[in-house]
Amino acid sequence: MDSFTYVNIFETKGLEYLLLLSFWVLFVFLVRYLSKPPKRRPGSR
């Protein structure tokens, strides 16, 4: 009836780094997308 399991935090560090890296890459793309000036139509001034 042992429900306690030992988790080594150093075994999951690679996955955490990949998740963090993918988050920052997506965050940079989101900021670049949101900071673009709006496109102008050919007929407008």
Protein backbone atom coordinates (compact mmCIF):
# COMPACT_ATOMS: atom_id res chain seq x y z
CA MET A 1 0.00 0.00 0.00
CA ASP A 2 2.84 2.37 -0.68
CA SER A 3 1.38 5.21 -2.71
CA PHE A 4 4.47 7.40 -2.46
CA THR A 5 6.74 7.37 -5.51
CA TYR A 6 10.11 9.07 -5.63
CA VAL A 7 10.55 11.45 -8.56
CA ASN A 8 14.02 12.58 -9.43
CA ILE A 9 13.78 16.21 -10.56
CA PHE A 10 16.96 15.90 -12.60
CA GLU A 11 15.46 13.21 -14.86
CA THR A 12 12.76 15.57 -16.13
CA LYS A 13 14.98 18.60 -16.64
CA GLY A 14 15.44 17.95 -20.36
CA LEU A 15 11.70 17.94 -20.96
CA GLU A 16 11.30 21.11 -18.92
CA TYR A 17 13.97 22.86 -20.96
CA LEU A 18 12.28 21.82 -24.22
CA LEU A 19 8.92 23.11 -22.98
CA LEU A 20 10.47 26.39 -21.88
CA LEU A 21 12.31 26.83 -25.16
CA SER A 22 9.19 26.16 -27.21
CA PHE A 23 7.21 28.60 -25.05
CA TRP A 24 9.76 31.39 -25.62
CA VAL A 25 9.91 30.76 -29.37
CA LEU A 26 6.12 30.93 -29.64
CA PHE A 27 6.06 34.01 -27.42
CA VAL A 28 8.54 35.82 -29.70
CA PHE A 29 6.42 35.00 -32.76
CA LEU A 30 3.29 36.22 -30.97
CA VAL A 31 4.92 39.53 -30.02
CA ARG A 32 6.20 40.05 -33.55
CA TYR A 33 2.77 39.28 -34.97
CA LEU A 34 1.00 41.67 -32.60
CA SER A 35 3.48 44.51 -33.14
CA LYS A 36 3.13 44.55 -36.93
CA PRO A 37 1.55 47.68 -38.35
CA PRO A 38 -1.81 47.04 -40.03
CA LYS A 39 -1.78 46.47 -43.78
CA ARG A 40 -3.04 49.32 -45.91
CA ARG A 41 -5.46 48.85 -48.74
CA PRO A 42 -4.37 50.07 -52.19
CA GLY A 43 -7.28 52.55 -52.46
CA SER A 44 -6.92 54.15 -49.03
CA ARG A 45 -4.61 57.00 -48.12
